[in-house]
Amino acid sequence: MSKKTLNTANLEKLGAEKLAALVIELVQGSAALQRRARLELSAAQGPKDVAADLRKRFASLRRATSYIDWRKQRALVKDLKSLLALIESSIAPQDADEAFELLWSFVQLAPSVHERTDDSNGAVGDVFRHAVDMIAELSPRIAVNPQTLAERILDAVVDAGYGEFDGIIPATSEALGPDGLAHLKQIATIWADTAPTPAEVAAYQRFGLSSAPAESVRRAKQLTASVILADVADAQGDVDAYMARYSPEQLTYGTIAPKVARRLLAAGRVQDAYDIAHRAMTREADAPFRMLNADLDEVYEDCLEGLGKLDALKSHLWTTFEQGLNMRALRKYLRLLPDFDDVEAEEKALDKVMDHPRLNVALGFLVDWPAHDRAAKLVLARAANLDGNDYTTLTHAADTLAARHPLAATLIRRAMIDDTLNGAKSKRYRHAARHLAECQMSDLEISAYGAVLPHVRFLEALRQKHGRKYGFWSLVDG
């Protein structure tokens, strides 16, 4: 490696004095870099100094009001991550309680930060979720009164307008301990059953919502309390208390049943888990159409296996495979079969894939299984029906098949080219030009096109039909 490469080892050879001069030069004109440098200097003085500076930075973030657009959001996220890194490296190893308080204050910044950003990509929310994860790591080491912590948690969850304290109960369960969890359950129940205060009703109305505000607040409190009580029940290992938040009908929902059944399985209550999962499966089977629900399918399979219902399990897995070409289900089905029987069953399954009406789905399955010879055969037989707009599936298939099956790869790329040019999708012209160049490269490997147009004639046909799409041809001709 070159001695001029910018890496830690080479920079260390410059010596402290020269590095300090470089840092001073680099931070000039950058408030963010200057803040980072000051915080690092504080960290070198010890946890108390850096904690004080972190609190000053938190206060500054809390007071800020300017909107942060998407161009500046990356810098904000980097700044927030650097604050967490300082807590993790400079404070947590020496003072877990101080680190916990700083992390709690950090999470409380979420509303003021979210109010002035558009977090459509979730990057800002991820930073605050990471802070909660860090609290979970610290939880066994902190010294805090369990009842006081329970009260702080209730206040925080109730006020968390952006869900920033989601997961805080599992994160602090060790610090809460049995007494704290019991106290949190008690005060959450009391809070939910207490009539809405005038302040709570007024806060609801400030959002422009005036229809039965008191009743709406009451329902919102009950919903929040049910989430808290479910987390408490989980931490206490009380499956029945967790289930209690749901009505009998809700326990048949495909979004709820898997979570409940998983907890019952973990508690060794396999039959109860099966009953829950089976009712949900029956409900979905009776629906006009069944949505794919991998969570429900998998927990139902675990229940069948736990009860020794292997024939029912195999039947379910095969049906699941057939309905949506579910690769996971087929692999699990084959593992349950005796040696040699699985080979015959695999061939039968792949035959079904070849006949599947959704061509692109079938092609994606065969490419990933993998069954590349079959995938190529499928393309050669049904190329005219390829959906060229499904460029993610087709690009992957073409790249995978190109080495051993260049004609199939060419037909796949032609489907994408035709879709782009027929639809005049100018933003995809550069991709279509690349696909055409790849077709030309594959042409050298194709010994016979059969009934398919050779590359030269395909190119002529393209120029004749789309000759006025100058943006595309300028990319092709260079």
Foldseek 3Di string as FASTA:
>chain_A
DDLPDPDDVSVVVVDDVVVVVVLVVVCPPPPLSVLLVVLVVQLVVADVSNLVSLVVVLVVLLPDDAADEPVCVVVVLVSLVSSLVCLVPRPCVPDLQSSLVSLVSSLVSVVSNCVRYDCPVCSVLVSLVVSLVVLLVSQLPDADDLQVVLVVLVVCLVPPPPCSCVPNCNSNLNNNDPVSLVNNLVVLVVVLPDFDDPVLLVVQCVVVDDDVSRVVSSVVSLVSSLSSQLSSCVSVLNLVSNCVSDDPVRLLALVNLLVSLVSCVVVVNLVVNLVSLVSNVVVQVPDPHHDDRVSSLVSNLVSCVVVVVVVVSLVSLVVVCLVQVDLVSLVVNLVPDDPPVSVVVVVVSLVSLLVDPQLLSSLLSCVVNPPLVSSLVSCVVPLVPDQLVPVVSLVSSLVSNCPPRVLSSLSSLVNVLCVCQVVVVLVCLLVNLVSLVSNVVSLVVDPDNVPDDRSVVVVVVCCVVRVVSVSNVVNNVD
